N, C-alpha and C. Protein backbone atom coordinates (compact mmCIF):
# COMPACT_ATOMS: atom_id res chain seq x y z
N ASN A 1 139.79 104.43 126.23
CA ASN A 1 138.42 104.85 126.49
C ASN A 1 137.89 105.71 125.32
N HIS A 2 138.74 106.61 124.79
CA HIS A 2 138.34 107.44 123.66
C HIS A 2 138.12 106.60 122.41
N LEU A 3 139.01 105.62 122.17
CA LEU A 3 138.89 104.74 121.02
C LEU A 3 137.60 103.91 121.14
N TYR A 4 137.32 103.41 122.34
CA TYR A 4 136.08 102.64 122.56
C TYR A 4 134.86 103.48 122.19
N LYS A 5 134.83 104.75 122.61
CA LYS A 5 133.71 105.63 122.29
C LYS A 5 133.59 105.84 120.79
N GLU A 6 134.72 106.03 120.09
CA GLU A 6 134.68 106.21 118.64
C GLU A 6 134.14 104.97 117.94
N VAL A 7 134.58 103.79 118.37
CA VAL A 7 134.10 102.55 117.76
C VAL A 7 132.62 102.36 118.06
N ARG A 8 132.21 102.61 119.29
CA ARG A 8 130.81 102.49 119.66
C ARG A 8 129.94 103.44 118.83
N ASP A 9 130.37 104.68 118.70
CA ASP A 9 129.61 105.66 117.93
C ASP A 9 129.53 105.27 116.46
N MET A 10 130.64 104.73 115.91
CA MET A 10 130.63 104.31 114.51
C MET A 10 129.67 103.13 114.33
N LYS A 11 129.67 102.19 115.27
CA LYS A 11 128.75 101.05 115.19
C LYS A 11 127.31 101.52 115.28
N ARG A 12 127.06 102.49 116.15
CA ARG A 12 125.70 103.02 116.29
C ARG A 12 125.26 103.68 114.98
N GLY A 13 126.13 104.46 114.40
CA GLY A 13 125.80 105.11 113.13
C GLY A 13 125.55 104.10 112.04
N LEU A 14 126.39 103.08 111.97
CA LEU A 14 126.21 102.03 110.97
C LEU A 14 124.89 101.30 111.20
N SER A 15 124.57 101.00 112.45
CA SER A 15 123.31 100.31 112.75
C SER A 15 122.12 101.11 112.28
N VAL A 16 122.12 102.40 112.56
CA VAL A 16 121.00 103.25 112.16
C VAL A 16 120.91 103.32 110.63
N LEU A 17 122.05 103.46 109.95
CA LEU A 17 122.03 103.50 108.49
C LEU A 17 121.53 102.18 107.90
N LEU A 18 121.96 101.06 108.47
CA LEU A 18 121.50 99.77 107.97
C LEU A 18 120.01 99.60 108.18
N ILE A 19 119.51 100.04 109.33
CA ILE A 19 118.08 99.96 109.59
C ILE A 19 117.32 100.80 108.57
N ALA A 20 117.81 102.01 108.32
CA ALA A 20 117.15 102.87 107.33
C ALA A 20 117.20 102.24 105.94
N ALA A 21 118.33 101.63 105.58
CA ALA A 21 118.45 100.99 104.27
C ALA A 21 117.51 99.80 104.16
N LEU A 22 117.39 99.01 105.23
CA LEU A 22 116.45 97.89 105.21
C LEU A 22 115.02 98.38 105.06
N LEU A 23 114.69 99.43 105.78
CA LEU A 23 113.35 99.99 105.68
C LEU A 23 113.10 100.51 104.28
N LEU A 24 114.07 101.20 103.72
CA LEU A 24 113.94 101.70 102.36
C LEU A 24 113.72 100.56 101.39
N GLY A 25 114.49 99.50 101.52
CA GLY A 25 114.36 98.35 100.64
C GLY A 25 113.02 97.66 100.77
N ALA A 26 112.47 97.63 101.96
CA ALA A 26 111.21 96.93 102.18
C ALA A 26 110.00 97.74 101.76
N CYS A 27 110.10 99.05 101.79
CA CYS A 27 108.89 99.86 101.61
C CYS A 27 108.94 100.89 100.49
N ALA A 28 110.07 101.51 100.27
CA ALA A 28 110.02 102.73 99.47
C ALA A 28 110.60 102.63 98.06
N VAL A 29 111.61 101.82 97.84
CA VAL A 29 112.21 101.77 96.52
C VAL A 29 111.33 100.91 95.61
N PRO A 30 110.83 101.46 94.52
CA PRO A 30 109.89 100.72 93.68
C PRO A 30 110.37 99.33 93.27
N ALA A 31 111.61 99.21 92.85
CA ALA A 31 112.10 97.91 92.39
C ALA A 31 112.14 96.89 93.52
N LEU A 32 112.44 97.35 94.72
CA LEU A 32 112.52 96.44 95.85
C LEU A 32 111.19 96.31 96.57
N ALA A 33 110.36 97.31 96.49
CA ALA A 33 109.09 97.29 97.22
C ALA A 33 108.08 96.35 96.59
N ALA A 34 108.25 96.00 95.32
CA ALA A 34 107.28 95.14 94.65
C ALA A 34 107.15 93.79 95.32
N ALA A 35 108.25 93.19 95.74
CA ALA A 35 108.17 91.86 96.32
C ALA A 35 107.35 91.83 97.60
N PRO A 36 107.57 92.71 98.60
CA PRO A 36 106.74 92.67 99.78
C PRO A 36 105.26 92.95 99.47
N THR A 37 105.00 93.84 98.53
CA THR A 37 103.62 94.15 98.19
C THR A 37 102.95 92.92 97.60
N VAL A 38 103.64 92.21 96.71
CA VAL A 38 103.08 91.00 96.12
C VAL A 38 102.82 89.97 97.20
N ARG A 39 103.78 89.79 98.10
CA ARG A 39 103.58 88.83 99.19
C ARG A 39 102.39 89.22 100.04
N ALA A 40 102.25 90.50 100.36
CA ALA A 40 101.12 90.94 101.18
C ALA A 40 99.81 90.73 100.44
N ASP A 41 99.79 91.01 99.12
CA ASP A 41 98.57 90.80 98.34
C ASP A 41 98.22 89.32 98.26
N ALA A 42 99.22 88.48 98.04
CA ALA A 42 98.97 87.04 97.96
C ALA A 42 98.50 86.52 99.32
N ALA A 43 99.12 87.00 100.38
CA ALA A 43 98.72 86.57 101.72
C ALA A 43 97.29 87.01 102.01
N ALA A 44 96.91 88.20 101.55
CA ALA A 44 95.55 88.70 101.79
C ALA A 44 94.53 87.83 101.06
N ALA A 45 94.88 87.36 99.86
CA ALA A 45 93.95 86.51 99.11
C ALA A 45 93.76 85.18 99.84
N GLU A 46 94.84 84.65 100.42
CA GLU A 46 94.74 83.39 101.14
C GLU A 46 94.25 83.59 102.57
N ASN A 47 94.58 84.72 103.16
CA ASN A 47 94.24 84.97 104.55
C ASN A 47 93.81 86.43 104.69
N PRO A 48 92.51 86.70 104.75
CA PRO A 48 92.04 88.08 104.83
C PRO A 48 92.52 88.83 106.07
N THR A 49 93.01 88.12 107.08
CA THR A 49 93.49 88.80 108.28
C THR A 49 94.99 89.10 108.21
N ALA A 50 95.63 88.77 107.08
CA ALA A 50 97.07 89.06 106.92
C ALA A 50 97.28 90.56 106.95
N PRO A 51 98.45 91.01 107.46
CA PRO A 51 98.72 92.44 107.51
C PRO A 51 98.69 93.08 106.13
N GLN A 52 98.17 94.27 106.05
CA GLN A 52 98.10 95.02 104.80
C GLN A 52 98.91 96.30 104.94
N ALA A 53 99.53 96.70 103.85
CA ALA A 53 100.27 97.95 103.85
C ALA A 53 99.31 99.12 103.98
N ASN A 54 99.68 100.10 104.76
CA ASN A 54 98.90 101.31 104.88
C ASN A 54 98.96 102.05 103.55
N SER A 55 97.83 102.54 103.09
CA SER A 55 97.79 103.21 101.78
C SER A 55 98.59 104.51 101.75
N ALA A 56 98.96 105.03 102.91
CA ALA A 56 99.77 106.26 102.96
C ALA A 56 101.23 105.99 102.60
N VAL A 57 101.66 104.73 102.70
CA VAL A 57 103.04 104.37 102.35
C VAL A 57 103.17 104.39 100.84
N LYS A 58 104.14 105.16 100.36
CA LYS A 58 104.33 105.33 98.92
C LYS A 58 105.75 104.99 98.52
N PRO A 59 105.92 104.43 97.33
CA PRO A 59 107.28 104.14 96.85
C PRO A 59 108.09 105.43 96.69
N GLY A 60 109.36 105.34 96.94
CA GLY A 60 110.23 106.49 96.79
C GLY A 60 110.65 106.70 95.34
N THR A 61 111.07 107.90 95.07
CA THR A 61 111.63 108.22 93.76
C THR A 61 112.95 108.94 93.96
N ILE A 62 113.82 108.79 93.01
CA ILE A 62 115.11 109.48 93.10
C ILE A 62 114.88 110.96 92.86
N VAL A 63 115.27 111.76 93.84
CA VAL A 63 115.08 113.21 93.75
C VAL A 63 116.40 113.96 93.69
N ALA A 64 117.48 113.29 94.08
CA ALA A 64 118.80 113.94 94.07
C ALA A 64 119.83 112.94 93.55
N PRO A 65 119.79 112.64 92.24
CA PRO A 65 120.68 111.60 91.70
C PRO A 65 122.17 111.91 91.84
N ASN A 66 122.51 113.16 91.98
CA ASN A 66 123.91 113.55 92.09
C ASN A 66 124.30 113.98 93.50
N ALA A 67 123.59 113.49 94.50
CA ALA A 67 123.88 113.85 95.89
C ALA A 67 125.33 113.50 96.21
N SER A 68 125.99 114.38 96.93
CA SER A 68 127.36 114.10 97.34
C SER A 68 127.67 114.87 98.62
N PHE A 69 128.62 114.35 99.35
CA PHE A 69 129.07 114.97 100.59
C PHE A 69 130.59 114.87 100.60
N SER A 70 131.25 115.95 100.94
CA SER A 70 132.71 115.99 100.86
C SER A 70 133.40 115.17 101.95
N ASP A 71 132.67 114.77 102.99
CA ASP A 71 133.32 114.07 104.11
C ASP A 71 133.01 112.58 104.19
N ILE A 72 132.50 111.97 103.12
CA ILE A 72 132.20 110.54 103.18
C ILE A 72 133.06 109.70 102.23
N SER A 73 133.89 110.33 101.44
CA SER A 73 134.72 109.59 100.49
C SER A 73 135.54 108.53 101.22
N GLY A 74 135.37 107.28 100.80
CA GLY A 74 136.10 106.19 101.42
C GLY A 74 135.50 105.68 102.71
N HIS A 75 134.44 106.31 103.20
CA HIS A 75 133.80 105.86 104.45
C HIS A 75 133.11 104.52 104.20
N ALA A 76 133.07 103.67 105.20
CA ALA A 76 132.46 102.35 105.08
C ALA A 76 131.00 102.42 104.65
N ASN A 77 130.32 103.50 104.99
CA ASN A 77 128.89 103.63 104.67
C ASN A 77 128.62 104.55 103.49
N GLU A 78 129.65 104.88 102.73
CA GLU A 78 129.50 105.83 101.63
C GLU A 78 128.38 105.44 100.66
N THR A 79 128.34 104.20 100.23
CA THR A 79 127.34 103.76 99.26
C THR A 79 125.93 103.88 99.83
N ALA A 80 125.73 103.44 101.07
CA ALA A 80 124.40 103.52 101.70
C ALA A 80 123.98 104.98 101.87
N ILE A 81 124.90 105.82 102.29
CA ILE A 81 124.59 107.24 102.48
C ILE A 81 124.16 107.87 101.16
N LEU A 82 124.92 107.63 100.10
CA LEU A 82 124.59 108.23 98.81
C LEU A 82 123.28 107.69 98.25
N SER A 83 123.02 106.41 98.47
CA SER A 83 121.76 105.83 98.00
C SER A 83 120.57 106.47 98.71
N LEU A 84 120.65 106.58 100.02
CA LEU A 84 119.55 107.19 100.78
C LEU A 84 119.43 108.68 100.46
N ALA A 85 120.54 109.35 100.22
CA ALA A 85 120.51 110.76 99.85
C ALA A 85 119.86 110.96 98.49
N SER A 86 120.08 110.03 97.56
CA SER A 86 119.49 110.17 96.23
C SER A 86 117.97 110.14 96.29
N TYR A 87 117.42 109.48 97.29
CA TYR A 87 115.96 109.44 97.48
C TYR A 87 115.46 110.57 98.38
N GLY A 88 116.35 111.43 98.83
CA GLY A 88 115.96 112.54 99.69
C GLY A 88 115.69 112.12 101.13
N ILE A 89 116.10 110.92 101.48
CA ILE A 89 115.88 110.41 102.83
C ILE A 89 116.90 110.98 103.79
N LEU A 90 118.12 111.12 103.33
CA LEU A 90 119.19 111.77 104.10
C LEU A 90 119.61 113.03 103.37
N ASN A 91 119.85 114.10 104.12
CA ASN A 91 120.23 115.37 103.49
C ASN A 91 121.57 115.91 103.96
N GLY A 92 122.16 115.30 104.93
CA GLY A 92 123.42 115.81 105.45
C GLY A 92 123.21 116.96 106.41
N MET A 93 124.32 117.58 106.76
CA MET A 93 124.31 118.61 107.80
C MET A 93 124.47 120.01 107.25
N GLY A 94 124.46 120.15 105.94
CA GLY A 94 124.64 121.46 105.32
C GLY A 94 126.09 121.69 104.94
N GLY A 95 126.31 122.60 104.05
CA GLY A 95 127.66 122.93 103.61
C GLY A 95 128.36 121.78 102.91
N GLY A 96 127.60 120.85 102.34
CA GLY A 96 128.19 119.71 101.64
C GLY A 96 128.74 118.64 102.56
N LEU A 97 128.41 118.71 103.86
CA LEU A 97 128.90 117.75 104.84
C LEU A 97 127.80 116.79 105.28
N PHE A 98 128.19 115.57 105.61
CA PHE A 98 127.26 114.59 106.14
C PHE A 98 127.57 114.28 107.60
N ARG A 99 128.82 114.30 107.97
CA ARG A 99 129.29 113.95 109.32
C ARG A 99 128.89 112.52 109.66
N PRO A 100 129.41 111.55 108.92
CA PRO A 100 128.98 110.17 109.04
C PRO A 100 129.25 109.49 110.38
N ASP A 101 130.16 110.01 111.15
CA ASP A 101 130.49 109.36 112.42
C ASP A 101 129.78 109.99 113.62
N GLU A 102 128.92 110.97 113.37
CA GLU A 102 128.15 111.55 114.47
C GLU A 102 126.93 110.69 114.75
N ASN A 103 126.44 110.78 115.97
CA ASN A 103 125.23 110.06 116.34
C ASN A 103 124.02 110.69 115.66
N MET A 104 123.01 109.90 115.40
CA MET A 104 121.76 110.38 114.81
C MET A 104 120.80 110.75 115.94
N THR A 105 120.14 111.90 115.80
CA THR A 105 119.18 112.31 116.81
C THR A 105 117.83 111.65 116.57
N ARG A 106 116.98 111.72 117.57
CA ARG A 106 115.62 111.19 117.44
C ARG A 106 114.86 111.92 116.33
N ALA A 107 115.07 113.21 116.21
CA ALA A 107 114.41 114.00 115.16
C ALA A 107 114.91 113.57 113.78
N GLN A 108 116.21 113.39 113.63
CA GLN A 108 116.77 112.96 112.35
C GLN A 108 116.23 111.58 111.97
N PHE A 109 116.11 110.69 112.93
CA PHE A 109 115.60 109.36 112.64
C PHE A 109 114.13 109.41 112.25
N ALA A 110 113.35 110.26 112.91
CA ALA A 110 111.93 110.42 112.54
C ALA A 110 111.83 110.90 111.10
N LYS A 111 112.67 111.85 110.72
CA LYS A 111 112.67 112.34 109.34
C LYS A 111 113.04 111.23 108.37
N THR A 112 114.03 110.43 108.71
CA THR A 112 114.46 109.32 107.88
C THR A 112 113.31 108.33 107.67
N LEU A 113 112.60 108.02 108.74
CA LEU A 113 111.47 107.08 108.65
C LEU A 113 110.36 107.63 107.76
N VAL A 114 109.96 108.85 108.02
CA VAL A 114 108.85 109.45 107.26
C VAL A 114 109.20 109.51 105.77
N CYS A 115 110.41 109.91 105.46
CA CYS A 115 110.84 109.98 104.05
C CYS A 115 110.98 108.59 103.44
N SER A 116 111.49 107.62 104.21
CA SER A 116 111.63 106.26 103.71
C SER A 116 110.29 105.66 103.33
N LEU A 117 109.27 106.01 104.08
CA LEU A 117 107.94 105.45 103.84
C LEU A 117 107.12 106.26 102.85
N GLY A 118 107.65 107.40 102.43
CA GLY A 118 106.91 108.25 101.49
C GLY A 118 105.70 108.90 102.11
N LEU A 119 105.70 109.07 103.43
CA LEU A 119 104.58 109.71 104.11
C LEU A 119 104.63 111.22 103.92
N THR A 120 103.50 111.85 103.93
CA THR A 120 103.43 113.31 103.80
C THR A 120 103.59 113.94 105.18
N PRO A 121 104.65 114.71 105.40
CA PRO A 121 104.88 115.32 106.72
C PRO A 121 103.83 116.38 107.03
N GLU A 122 103.25 116.28 108.22
CA GLU A 122 102.26 117.26 108.69
C GLU A 122 102.49 117.54 110.16
N TYR A 123 102.39 118.80 110.54
CA TYR A 123 102.56 119.19 111.94
C TYR A 123 101.22 119.12 112.66
N HIS A 124 101.22 118.52 113.87
CA HIS A 124 100.00 118.38 114.65
C HIS A 124 100.15 118.87 116.09
N SER A 125 101.26 119.47 116.44
CA SER A 125 101.50 119.95 117.80
C SER A 125 101.41 118.82 118.82
N THR A 126 102.03 117.71 118.50
CA THR A 126 101.96 116.51 119.34
C THR A 126 102.78 116.61 120.61
N PHE A 127 103.98 117.18 120.52
CA PHE A 127 104.90 117.23 121.66
C PHE A 127 105.23 118.67 122.02
N SER A 128 105.30 118.95 123.31
CA SER A 128 105.55 120.32 123.77
C SER A 128 106.97 120.80 123.46
N ASP A 129 107.91 119.88 123.25
CA ASP A 129 109.30 120.28 122.95
C ASP A 129 109.62 120.21 121.46
N VAL A 130 108.58 120.16 120.63
CA VAL A 130 108.75 120.17 119.16
C VAL A 130 107.96 121.35 118.61
N PRO A 131 108.62 122.52 118.56
CA PRO A 131 107.92 123.71 118.07
C PRO A 131 107.67 123.63 116.56
N GLU A 132 106.59 124.22 116.13
CA GLU A 132 106.23 124.19 114.71
C GLU A 132 107.34 124.75 113.82
N SER A 133 108.14 125.67 114.34
CA SER A 133 109.19 126.30 113.54
C SER A 133 110.43 125.42 113.35
N ALA A 134 110.52 124.31 114.08
CA ALA A 134 111.69 123.42 113.96
C ALA A 134 111.65 122.66 112.64
N TRP A 135 112.80 122.48 112.01
CA TRP A 135 112.87 121.80 110.71
C TRP A 135 112.26 120.40 110.77
N TYR A 136 112.31 119.78 111.92
CA TYR A 136 111.88 118.40 112.09
C TYR A 136 110.44 118.25 112.57
N ALA A 137 109.76 119.34 112.87
CA ALA A 137 108.44 119.28 113.53
C ALA A 137 107.44 118.41 112.78
N ALA A 138 107.27 118.63 111.50
CA ALA A 138 106.28 117.86 110.73
C ALA A 138 106.67 116.39 110.63
N TYR A 139 107.97 116.11 110.56
CA TYR A 139 108.42 114.72 110.47
C TYR A 139 108.14 113.98 111.78
N VAL A 140 108.47 114.60 112.91
CA VAL A 140 108.24 113.99 114.22
C VAL A 140 106.75 113.75 114.42
N ASP A 141 105.95 114.75 114.13
CA ASP A 141 104.50 114.60 114.34
C ASP A 141 103.89 113.55 113.41
N THR A 142 104.37 113.47 112.20
CA THR A 142 103.86 112.45 111.27
C THR A 142 104.26 111.06 111.74
N ALA A 143 105.50 110.90 112.17
CA ALA A 143 105.94 109.60 112.69
C ALA A 143 105.12 109.21 113.91
N ALA A 144 104.80 110.17 114.75
CA ALA A 144 103.96 109.89 115.93
C ALA A 144 102.53 109.56 115.52
N ALA A 145 101.99 110.28 114.55
CA ALA A 145 100.62 110.05 114.11
C ALA A 145 100.44 108.64 113.55
N TYR A 146 101.47 108.09 112.92
CA TYR A 146 101.40 106.74 112.38
C TYR A 146 101.86 105.67 113.38
N GLY A 147 102.11 106.09 114.61
CA GLY A 147 102.50 105.14 115.65
C GLY A 147 103.92 104.62 115.52
N LEU A 148 104.75 105.32 114.76
CA LEU A 148 106.13 104.88 114.56
C LEU A 148 107.03 105.25 115.73
N VAL A 149 106.80 106.42 116.32
CA VAL A 149 107.61 106.89 117.44
C VAL A 149 106.72 107.26 118.61
N ASN A 150 107.31 107.21 119.77
CA ASN A 150 106.63 107.63 121.00
C ASN A 150 107.44 108.75 121.63
N GLY A 151 106.81 109.44 122.54
CA GLY A 151 107.52 110.45 123.30
C GLY A 151 108.31 109.81 124.43
N VAL A 152 108.94 110.66 125.22
CA VAL A 152 109.75 110.19 126.34
C VAL A 152 109.04 110.40 127.67
N GLY A 153 107.80 110.85 127.60
CA GLY A 153 107.02 111.11 128.81
C GLY A 153 106.73 112.58 128.97
N ALA A 154 105.70 112.87 129.71
CA ALA A 154 105.29 114.25 130.02
C ALA A 154 105.06 115.07 128.76
N GLY A 155 104.57 114.45 127.69
CA GLY A 155 104.26 115.17 126.46
C GLY A 155 105.47 115.66 125.68
N LYS A 156 106.64 115.07 125.94
CA LYS A 156 107.87 115.50 125.29
C LYS A 156 108.42 114.39 124.39
N PHE A 157 109.20 114.81 123.39
CA PHE A 157 109.80 113.87 122.44
C PHE A 157 111.32 113.77 122.60
N ASN A 158 111.98 114.79 123.07
CA ASN A 158 113.44 114.87 123.15
C ASN A 158 114.07 114.77 121.77
N PRO A 159 113.73 115.69 120.87
CA PRO A 159 114.17 115.59 119.47
C PRO A 159 115.68 115.62 119.28
N GLU A 160 116.41 116.28 120.15
CA GLU A 160 117.87 116.37 120.00
C GLU A 160 118.59 115.23 120.71
N GLY A 161 117.85 114.36 121.39
CA GLY A 161 118.46 113.20 122.04
C GLY A 161 118.93 112.20 121.00
N THR A 162 119.92 111.42 121.33
CA THR A 162 120.46 110.41 120.43
C THR A 162 119.49 109.24 120.33
N ILE A 163 119.22 108.77 119.12
CA ILE A 163 118.39 107.59 118.93
C ILE A 163 119.20 106.37 119.38
N THR A 164 118.62 105.53 120.19
CA THR A 164 119.32 104.32 120.62
C THR A 164 119.04 103.21 119.61
N ARG A 165 119.89 102.20 119.60
CA ARG A 165 119.66 101.06 118.71
C ARG A 165 118.34 100.38 119.05
N GLN A 166 118.02 100.31 120.33
CA GLN A 166 116.77 99.68 120.75
C GLN A 166 115.57 100.46 120.20
N ASP A 167 115.59 101.79 120.36
CA ASP A 167 114.50 102.60 119.83
C ASP A 167 114.41 102.50 118.31
N ALA A 168 115.56 102.50 117.65
CA ALA A 168 115.57 102.39 116.19
C ALA A 168 114.98 101.07 115.75
N ALA A 169 115.36 99.97 116.39
CA ALA A 169 114.85 98.66 116.02
C ALA A 169 113.34 98.57 116.26
N THR A 170 112.88 99.09 117.39
CA THR A 170 111.45 99.08 117.70
C THR A 170 110.68 99.89 116.66
N THR A 171 111.21 101.02 116.32
CA THR A 171 110.56 101.90 115.35
C THR A 171 110.51 101.26 113.97
N VAL A 172 111.59 100.61 113.57
CA VAL A 172 111.62 99.94 112.27
C VAL A 172 110.62 98.79 112.25
N ALA A 173 110.47 98.08 113.36
CA ALA A 173 109.46 97.01 113.42
C ALA A 173 108.06 97.59 113.22
N ARG A 174 107.80 98.74 113.82
CA ARG A 174 106.49 99.40 113.61
C ARG A 174 106.33 99.83 112.16
N ALA A 175 107.40 100.31 111.57
CA ALA A 175 107.35 100.74 110.16
C ALA A 175 107.09 99.54 109.26
N ALA A 176 107.69 98.41 109.58
CA ALA A 176 107.46 97.21 108.78
C ALA A 176 105.99 96.81 108.82
N LYS A 177 105.37 96.92 109.98
CA LYS A 177 103.93 96.63 110.09
C LYS A 177 103.13 97.60 109.24
N LEU A 178 103.52 98.86 109.23
CA LEU A 178 102.84 99.86 108.42
C LEU A 178 102.95 99.51 106.93
N CYS A 179 104.04 98.84 106.57
CA CYS A 179 104.25 98.41 105.18
C CYS A 179 103.53 97.10 104.86
N GLY A 180 102.88 96.51 105.86
CA GLY A 180 102.18 95.25 105.65
C GLY A 180 103.04 94.03 105.86
N LEU A 181 104.19 94.20 106.49
CA LEU A 181 105.08 93.07 106.78
C LEU A 181 104.88 92.62 108.22
N ASP A 182 105.06 91.34 108.46
CA ASP A 182 104.95 90.81 109.84
C ASP A 182 106.17 91.14 110.62
């Protein structure tokens, strides 16, 4: 039972990282973002009703080329983690640790999305359980403002709750639309 939980948690972590990497590749990395933009522009010329990228979505830039974490050496996701960290999309847990096998929270995923898309984080007091003083407040509110995330009901977001694969996939689909992808 304990081994099953460890495998399940590792798969969940890998799924979330892969989703973030796909989103990064589709929207934020300049070298990779050019192809979807060209397709969207070409589609718009042929079909004016084709989806268009939101102008708030910006290509990412490398901000931490030497990012490193002492607990990911040899981990299956080491390359993806370091790539996302170099763009400032992932920051780890402090103290040089990433904790790659821990579950990702809803707040952490909102931050990953906002940074992947190059959106400017702004606090709007959207959810009653997301205080302005929380590190994630502006990221959660920005993700909500762009329709990427929803609350859990009663004006709450549950920022410390674990992001499910279903929620992550739904959110990434919304992010793809924001990037002008079908």
